[in-house]
Amino acid sequence: QAVTKLRAQLVGSDTTPLCDKRFWPLSAEDTVRAAVQNWLGTQGFPAASKVRGRLIAPKGLLFSFGASGIYWPWAGEGNLESGMHPLRILPAMAHEMSHAYGFGDEGVCNFIAYVSLSDHPNVYLAYTSRLDYWGDLARACRRQNPETYHKMFLPGIPQGVLADEEDIRRQHAQYQELAPAIRYQVYDSYLKSQGIASGMLNYNEVIMLVEAWIRQDY
């Protein structure tokens, strides 16, 4: 419901995909950074430094390695895939900035990105965050119970949201990975070597974290 309401605030009943940056904040990087800093500050975490989230060229460079972003600790900045869909860039930027503020766990960084942006006064930022999380939920549902997903979940999804998700999928499909067959295993092993026991599954822990965050208010 929140995703649908936010989208309606942006474009009303229009169901064409939001495929450009016309709703972006004037200074997107500064706005995202301020949102992450603000949330971390409310939780007692230090976040005073001006970390960066840069789009890098050429388009498809990070996608070729199966990544949408990467954090360089010696530079103190996150680099983001410039071929990424506009609806995905800002949540990804918040994720990489979370790494810069000292969080190594991928699921935690996804969570920080969500709680920093999902209730942002900028409606577009809030929509991109909630759409990103909605996508995580939809994929988890599809994996766990494909029949229920197609019979009960999919028919109830608003056309505008479906259009955005399909446009994201279509844009990202333009870029090919160099070695998709081994990418998962390599990165999974890397994360485990860094002390993240769940490896690639760690990204999906955002669902559990957001659920716990919501439940604490009830």
C-alpha atoms as a PDB file:
ATOM      1  CA  GLN A   1       0.000   0.000   0.000  1.00  0.00           C
ATOM      2  CA  ALA A   2       2.767   2.451   0.874  1.00  0.00           C
ATOM      3  CA  VAL A   3       4.459   1.848  -2.478  1.00  0.00           C
ATOM      4  CA  THR A   4       1.204   2.455  -4.343  1.00  0.00           C
ATOM      5  CA  LYS A   5       0.386   5.642  -2.407  1.00  0.00           C
ATOM      6  CA  LEU A   6       3.843   7.104  -2.908  1.00  0.00           C
ATOM      7  CA  ARG A   7       3.759   6.403  -6.635  1.00  0.00           C
ATOM      8  CA  ALA A   8       0.330   8.013  -6.897  1.00  0.00           C
ATOM      9  CA  GLN A   9       1.693  11.144  -5.202  1.00  0.00           C
ATOM     10  CA  LEU A  10       4.318  11.350  -7.924  1.00  0.00           C
ATOM     11  CA  VAL A  11       2.325  10.607 -11.077  1.00  0.00           C
ATOM     12  CA  GLY A  12      -1.294  10.000 -10.125  1.00  0.00           C
ATOM     13  CA  SER A  13      -2.821   7.132 -12.092  1.00  0.00           C
ATOM     14  CA  ASP A  14      -0.123   7.110 -14.790  1.00  0.00           C
ATOM     15  CA  THR A  15       1.242   3.563 -15.131  1.00  0.00           C
ATOM     16  CA  THR A  16       4.144   4.253 -17.487  1.00  0.00           C
ATOM     17  CA  PRO A  17       7.539   3.454 -15.931  1.00  0.00           C
ATOM     18  CA  LEU A  18       9.483   6.137 -14.075  1.00  0.00           C
ATOM     19  CA  CYS A  19      12.540   5.707 -16.247  1.00  0.00           C
ATOM     20  CA  ASP A  20      14.302   9.071 -15.884  1.00  0.00           C
ATOM     21  CA  LYS A  21      15.640  11.399 -13.185  1.00  0.00           C
ATOM     22  CA  ARG A  22      12.998  14.119 -13.322  1.00  0.00           C
ATOM     23  CA  PHE A  23      11.958  13.490  -9.709  1.00  0.00           C
ATOM     24  CA  TRP A  24      15.484  13.278  -8.306  1.00  0.00           C
ATOM     25  CA  PRO A  25      16.476  15.769  -5.564  1.00  0.00           C
ATOM     26  CA  LEU A  26      18.560  18.671  -6.919  1.00  0.00           C
ATOM     27  CA  SER A  27      21.604  17.369  -5.059  1.00  0.00           C
ATOM     28  CA  ALA A  28      20.867  13.671  -4.837  1.00  0.00           C
ATOM     29  CA  GLU A  29      24.163  12.616  -3.273  1.00  0.00           C
ATOM     30  CA  ASP A  30      23.982  15.274  -0.541  1.00  0.00           C
ATOM     31  CA  THR A  31      20.343  14.448   0.163  1.00  0.00           C
ATOM     32  CA  VAL A  32      20.984  10.721   0.481  1.00  0.00           C
ATOM     33  CA  ARG A  33      24.052  11.299   2.653  1.00  0.00           C
ATOM     34  CA  ALA A  34      22.097  13.607   4.976  1.00  0.00           C
ATOM     35  CA  ALA A  35      19.340  11.003   5.304  1.00  0.00           C
ATOM     36  CA  VAL A  36      21.804   8.251   6.238  1.00  0.00           C
ATOM     37  CA  GLN A  37      23.644  10.545   8.653  1.00  0.00           C
ATOM     38  CA  ASN A  38      20.380  11.602  10.264  1.00  0.00           C
ATOM     39  CA  TRP A  39      19.162   8.058  10.886  1.00  0.00           C
ATOM     40  CA  LEU A  40      22.518   6.857  12.184  1.00  0.00           C
ATOM     41  CA  GLY A  41      22.630   9.896  14.468  1.00  0.00           C
ATOM     42  CA  THR A  42      19.235   9.033  15.970  1.00  0.00           C
ATOM     43  CA  GLN A  43      20.639   5.602  16.818  1.00  0.00           C
ATOM     44  CA  GLY A  44      23.779   6.964  18.436  1.00  0.00           C
ATOM     45  CA  PHE A  45      26.236   6.080  15.659  1.00  0.00           C
ATOM     46  CA  PRO A  46      28.895   8.619  14.600  1.00  0.00           C
ATOM     47  CA  ALA A  47      28.422   9.713  10.999  1.00  0.00           C
ATOM     48  CA  ALA A  48      29.989  13.140  10.635  1.00  0.00           C
ATOM     49  CA  SER A  49      32.306  12.553   7.674  1.00  0.00           C
ATOM     50  CA  LYS A  50      31.334  13.491   4.127  1.00  0.00           C
ATOM     51  CA  VAL A  51      31.381  10.113   2.427  1.00  0.00           C
ATOM     52  CA  ARG A  52      30.850   9.913  -1.307  1.00  0.00           C
ATOM     53  CA  GLY A  53      28.651   7.879  -3.614  1.00  0.00           C
ATOM     54  CA  ARG A  54      29.901   8.327  -7.171  1.00  0.00           C
ATOM     55  CA  LEU A  55      28.534   6.965 -10.431  1.00  0.00           C
ATOM     56  CA  ILE A  56      31.410   5.527 -12.441  1.00  0.00           C
ATOM     57  CA  ALA A  57      31.933   5.126 -16.169  1.00  0.00           C
ATOM     58  CA  PRO A  58      31.670   3.328 -18.451  1.00  0.00           C
ATOM     59  CA  LYS A  59      28.154   2.000 -18.048  1.00  0.00           C
ATOM     60  CA  GLY A  60      28.128  -1.717 -17.381  1.00  0.00           C
ATOM     61  CA  LEU A  61      31.576  -1.858 -15.744  1.00  0.00           C
ATOM     62  CA  LEU A  62      30.363  -3.030 -12.338  1.00  0.00           C
ATOM     63  CA  PHE A  63      27.505  -5.032 -13.826  1.00  0.00           C
ATOM     64  CA  SER A  64      30.101  -7.050 -15.746  1.00  0.00           C
ATOM     65  CA  PHE A  65      31.323  -8.285 -12.360  1.00  0.00           C
ATOM     66  CA  GLY A  66      27.794  -8.889 -11.075  1.00  0.00           C
ATOM     67  CA  ALA A  67      27.787  -5.817  -8.820  1.00  0.00           C
ATOM     68  CA  SER A  68      25.753  -2.619  -8.688  1.00  0.00           C
ATOM     69  CA  GLY A  69      28.085  -0.888  -6.255  1.00  0.00           C
ATOM     70  CA  ILE A  70      31.363  -1.271  -4.416  1.00  0.00           C
ATOM     71  CA  TYR A  71      32.878   0.469  -1.411  1.00  0.00           C
ATOM     72  CA  TRP A  72      36.584   1.395  -1.414  1.00  0.00           C
ATOM     73  CA  PRO A  73      37.700   1.733   2.236  1.00  0.00           C
ATOM     74  CA  TRP A  74      41.012   3.424   1.405  1.00  0.00           C
ATOM     75  CA  ALA A  75      39.167   6.131  -0.547  1.00  0.00           C
ATOM     76  CA  GLY A  76      36.197   6.412   1.804  1.00  0.00           C
ATOM     77  CA  GLU A  77      33.681   6.336  -1.012  1.00  0.00           C
ATOM     78  CA  GLY A  78      31.240   4.073  -2.743  1.00  0.00           C
ATOM     79  CA  ASN A  79      31.252   3.645  -6.516  1.00  0.00           C
ATOM     80  CA  LEU A  80      27.958   2.916  -8.232  1.00  0.00           C
ATOM     81  CA  GLU A  81      27.138   1.328 -11.563  1.00  0.00           C
ATOM     82  CA  SER A  82      26.146   4.202 -13.869  1.00  0.00           C
ATOM     83  CA  GLY A  83      24.050   1.880 -16.024  1.00  0.00           C
ATOM     84  CA  MET A  84      21.771   1.159 -13.096  1.00  0.00           C
ATOM     85  CA  HIS A  85      18.133   2.196 -13.434  1.00  0.00           C
ATOM     86  CA  PRO A  86      17.386   5.613 -11.849  1.00  0.00           C
ATOM     87  CA  LEU A  87      14.934   3.958  -9.455  1.00  0.00           C
ATOM     88  CA  ARG A  88      17.702   1.756  -8.056  1.00  0.00           C
ATOM     89  CA  ILE A  89      20.617   4.204  -7.830  1.00  0.00           C
ATOM     90  CA  LEU A  90      19.649   6.166  -4.719  1.00  0.00           C
ATOM     91  CA  PRO A  91      18.927   3.161  -2.447  1.00  0.00           C
ATOM     92  CA  ALA A  92      22.198   1.626  -3.691  1.00  0.00           C
ATOM     93  CA  MET A  93      23.977   4.880  -2.863  1.00  0.00           C
ATOM     94  CA  ALA A  94      22.587   4.789   0.686  1.00  0.00           C
ATOM     95  CA  HIS A  95      23.778   1.176   0.973  1.00  0.00           C
ATOM     96  CA  GLU A  96      27.351   2.038  -0.032  1.00  0.00           C
ATOM     97  CA  MET A  97      27.394   5.070   2.270  1.00  0.00           C
ATOM     98  CA  SER A  98      26.378   2.766   5.116  1.00  0.00           C
ATOM     99  CA  HIS A  99      29.529   0.753   4.446  1.00  0.00           C
ATOM    100  CA  ALA A 100      31.535   3.981   4.604  1.00  0.00           C
ATOM    101  CA  TYR A 101      30.114   4.723   8.041  1.00  0.00           C
ATOM    102  CA  GLY A 102      31.491   1.464   9.385  1.00  0.00           C
ATOM    103  CA  PHE A 103      28.991  -1.303   8.665  1.00  0.00           C
ATOM    104  CA  GLY A 104      30.352  -4.376   6.864  1.00  0.00           C
ATOM    105  CA  ASP A 105      27.258  -6.581   6.944  1.00  0.00           C
ATOM    106  CA  GLU A 106      25.383  -6.427   3.612  1.00  0.00           C
ATOM    107  CA  GLY A 107      21.969  -7.072   5.128  1.00  0.00           C
ATOM    108  CA  VAL A 108      22.534  -4.344   7.712  1.00  0.00           C
ATOM    109  CA  CYS A 109      23.548  -1.869   4.987  1.00  0.00           C
ATOM    110  CA  ASN A 110      20.386  -2.718   3.053  1.00  0.00           C
ATOM    111  CA  PHE A 111      18.431  -2.128   6.258  1.00  0.00           C
ATOM    112  CA  ILE A 112      20.101   1.230   6.955  1.00  0.00           C
ATOM    113  CA  ALA A 113      19.378   2.311   3.385  1.00  0.00           C
ATOM    114  CA  TYR A 114      15.724   1.360   3.832  1.00  0.00           C
ATOM    115  CA  VAL A 115      15.093   3.045   7.183  1.00  0.00           C
ATOM    116  CA  SER A 116      17.017   6.153   6.107  1.00  0.00           C
ATOM    117  CA  LEU A 117      14.959   6.726   2.963  1.00  0.00           C
ATOM    118  CA  SER A 118      11.607   4.939   3.305  1.00  0.00           C
ATOM    119  CA  ASP A 119       9.932   7.779   5.241  1.00  0.00           C
ATOM    120  CA  HIS A 120      11.900  10.616   3.670  1.00  0.00           C
ATOM    121  CA  PRO A 121       9.921  13.830   3.021  1.00  0.00           C
ATOM    122  CA  ASN A 122      11.075  13.650  -0.595  1.00  0.00           C
ATOM    123  CA  VAL A 123       8.385  11.372  -2.017  1.00  0.00           C
ATOM    124  CA  TYR A 124      10.588  10.057  -4.817  1.00  0.00           C
ATOM    125  CA  LEU A 125      13.313   8.990  -2.382  1.00  0.00           C
ATOM    126  CA  ALA A 126      10.748   7.250  -0.198  1.00  0.00           C
ATOM    127  CA  TYR A 127       9.270   5.512  -3.243  1.00  0.00           C
ATOM    128  CA  THR A 128      12.618   4.227  -4.530  1.00  0.00           C
ATOM    129  CA  SER A 129      13.439   2.828  -1.091  1.00  0.00           C
ATOM    130  CA  ARG A 130      10.121   1.096  -0.618  1.00  0.00           C
ATOM    131  CA  LEU A 131      10.104  -0.191  -4.201  1.00  0.00           C
ATOM    132  CA  ASP A 132      13.565  -1.672  -3.667  1.00  0.00           C
ATOM    133  CA  TYR A 133      12.404  -3.438  -0.506  1.00  0.00           C
ATOM    134  CA  TRP A 134       9.160  -4.501  -2.179  1.00  0.00           C
ATOM    135  CA  GLY A 135      11.286  -6.170  -4.869  1.00  0.00           C
ATOM    136  CA  ASP A 136      13.166  -8.104  -2.183  1.00  0.00           C
ATOM    137  CA  LEU A 137       9.869  -9.301  -0.718  1.00  0.00           C
ATOM    138  CA  ALA A 138       8.455 -10.264  -4.111  1.00  0.00           C
ATOM    139  CA  ARG A 139      11.537 -12.277  -5.053  1.00  0.00           C
ATOM    140  CA  ALA A 140      11.553 -14.030  -1.678  1.00  0.00           C
ATOM    141  CA  CYS A 141       7.886 -14.951  -2.099  1.00  0.00           C
ATOM    142  CA  ARG A 142       8.499 -16.235  -5.620  1.00  0.00           C
ATOM    143  CA  ARG A 143      11.413 -18.402  -4.461  1.00  0.00           C
ATOM    144  CA  GLN A 144       9.575 -19.838  -1.466  1.00  0.00           C
ATOM    145  CA  ASN A 145       6.235 -20.531  -3.126  1.00  0.00           C
ATOM    146  CA  PRO A 146       6.038 -19.850  -6.885  1.00  0.00           C
ATOM    147  CA  GLU A 147       2.431 -21.045  -7.133  1.00  0.00           C
ATOM    148  CA  THR A 148       1.180 -18.724  -4.411  1.00  0.00           C
ATOM    149  CA  TYR A 149       3.190 -15.871  -5.903  1.00  0.00           C
ATOM    150  CA  HIS A 150       1.632 -16.238  -9.362  1.00  0.00           C
ATOM    151  CA  LYS A 151      -1.916 -16.979  -8.197  1.00  0.00           C
ATOM    152  CA  MET A 152      -2.328 -14.618  -5.257  1.00  0.00           C
ATOM    153  CA  PHE A 153       0.531 -12.122  -5.057  1.00  0.00           C
ATOM    154  CA  LEU A 154       1.137 -11.148  -8.679  1.00  0.00           C
ATOM    155  CA  PRO A 155      -2.502 -10.339  -9.639  1.00  0.00           C
ATOM    156  CA  GLY A 156      -2.729  -7.784  -6.827  1.00  0.00           C
ATOM    157  CA  ILE A 157       0.348  -5.798  -7.811  1.00  0.00           C
ATOM    158  CA  PRO A 158      -0.539  -2.343  -9.215  1.00  0.00           C
ATOM    159  CA  GLN A 159       0.305  -1.866 -12.894  1.00  0.00           C
ATOM    160  CA  GLY A 160       2.544   1.122 -12.249  1.00  0.00           C
ATOM    161  CA  VAL A 161       4.706  -0.834  -9.813  1.00  0.00           C
ATOM    162  CA  LEU A 162       4.893  -3.743 -12.248  1.00  0.00           C
ATOM    163  CA  ALA A 163       5.871  -1.341 -15.026  1.00  0.00           C
ATOM    164  CA  ASP A 164       8.698   0.087 -12.918  1.00  0.00           C
ATOM    165  CA  GLU A 165      10.011  -3.346 -11.941  1.00  0.00           C
ATOM    166  CA  GLU A 166       9.878  -4.555 -15.541  1.00  0.00           C
ATOM    167  CA  ASP A 167      11.640  -1.417 -16.768  1.00  0.00           C
ATOM    168  CA  ILE A 168      14.387  -1.973 -14.195  1.00  0.00           C
ATOM    169  CA  ARG A 169      14.771  -5.591 -15.297  1.00  0.00           C
ATOM    170  CA  ARG A 170      14.838  -4.585 -18.969  1.00  0.00           C
ATOM    171  CA  GLN A 171      17.472  -1.883 -18.480  1.00  0.00           C
ATOM    172  CA  HIS A 172      19.753  -4.079 -16.391  1.00  0.00           C
ATOM    173  CA  ALA A 173      19.427  -6.941 -18.884  1.00  0.00           C
ATOM    174  CA  GLN A 174      21.335  -4.831 -21.426  1.00  0.00           C
ATOM    175  CA  TYR A 175      24.544  -5.512 -19.516  1.00  0.00           C
ATOM    176  CA  GLN A 176      26.169  -8.928 -19.360  1.00  0.00           C
ATOM    177  CA  GLU A 177      28.293 -10.441 -16.614  1.00  0.00           C
ATOM    178  CA  LEU A 178      31.727 -11.712 -17.536  1.00  0.00           C
ATOM    179  CA  ALA A 179      31.429 -14.992 -15.626  1.00  0.00           C
ATOM    180  CA  PRO A 180      27.917 -15.418 -14.193  1.00  0.00           C
ATOM    181  CA  ALA A 181      28.435 -19.139 -13.595  1.00  0.00           C
ATOM    182  CA  ILE A 182      31.141 -18.554 -10.991  1.00  0.00           C
ATOM    183  CA  ARG A 183      30.298 -15.055  -9.732  1.00  0.00           C
ATOM    184  CA  TYR A 184      27.973 -16.271  -6.979  1.00  0.00           C
ATOM    185  CA  GLN A 185      30.452 -18.819  -5.649  1.00  0.00           C
ATOM    186  CA  VAL A 186      33.371 -16.382  -5.715  1.00  0.00           C
ATOM    187  CA  TYR A 187      31.535 -13.569  -3.956  1.00  0.00           C
ATOM    188  CA  ASP A 188      29.888 -15.978  -1.520  1.00  0.00           C
ATOM    189  CA  SER A 189      33.339 -17.257  -0.526  1.00  0.00           C
ATOM    190  CA  TYR A 190      34.652 -13.696  -0.262  1.00  0.00           C
ATOM    191  CA  LEU A 191      31.890 -12.615   2.120  1.00  0.00           C
ATOM    192  CA  LYS A 192      32.404 -15.684   4.277  1.00  0.00           C
ATOM    193  CA  SER A 193      36.139 -14.974   4.423  1.00  0.00           C
ATOM    194  CA  GLN A 194      35.250 -11.522   5.775  1.00  0.00           C
ATOM    195  CA  GLY A 195      33.314 -13.033   8.664  1.00  0.00           C
ATOM    196  CA  ILE A 196      29.831 -12.902   7.117  1.00  0.00           C
ATOM    197  CA  ALA A 197      28.808 -16.505   7.762  1.00  0.00           C
ATOM    198  CA  SER A 198      25.695 -16.465   5.577  1.00  0.00           C
ATOM    199  CA  GLY A 199      27.616 -15.279   2.511  1.00  0.00           C
ATOM    200  CA  MET A 200      25.421 -14.078  -0.343  1.00  0.00           C
ATOM    201  CA  LEU A 201      22.281 -14.889   1.642  1.00  0.00           C
ATOM    202  CA  ASN A 202      23.274 -12.012   3.911  1.00  0.00           C
ATOM    203  CA  TYR A 203      21.742  -9.518   1.467  1.00  0.00           C
ATOM    204  CA  ASN A 204      18.296 -11.037   2.037  1.00  0.00           C
ATOM    205  CA  GLU A 205      18.485 -10.557   5.803  1.00  0.00           C
ATOM    206  CA  VAL A 206      17.118  -7.056   5.231  1.00  0.00           C
ATOM    207  CA  ILE A 207      13.635  -8.636   5.170  1.00  0.00           C
ATOM    208  CA  MET A 208      14.049 -10.004   8.694  1.00  0.00           C
ATOM    209  CA  LEU A 209      15.573  -6.744   9.944  1.00  0.00           C
ATOM    210  CA  VAL A 210      12.816  -4.537   8.513  1.00  0.00           C
ATOM    211  CA  GLU A 211      10.144  -6.861   9.904  1.00  0.00           C
ATOM    212  CA  ALA A 212      11.711  -6.639  13.372  1.00  0.00           C
ATOM    213  CA  TRP A 213      11.974  -2.855  13.034  1.00  0.00           C
ATOM    214  CA  ILE A 214       8.283  -2.552  12.154  1.00  0.00           C
ATOM    215  CA  ARG A 215       7.178  -4.894  14.947  1.00  0.00           C
ATOM    216  CA  GLN A 216       8.936  -2.859  17.629  1.00  0.00           C
ATOM    217  CA  ASP A 217       6.360  -0.113  17.084  1.00  0.00           C
ATOM    218  CA  TYR A 218       3.434  -2.411  17.902  1.00  0.00           C
END
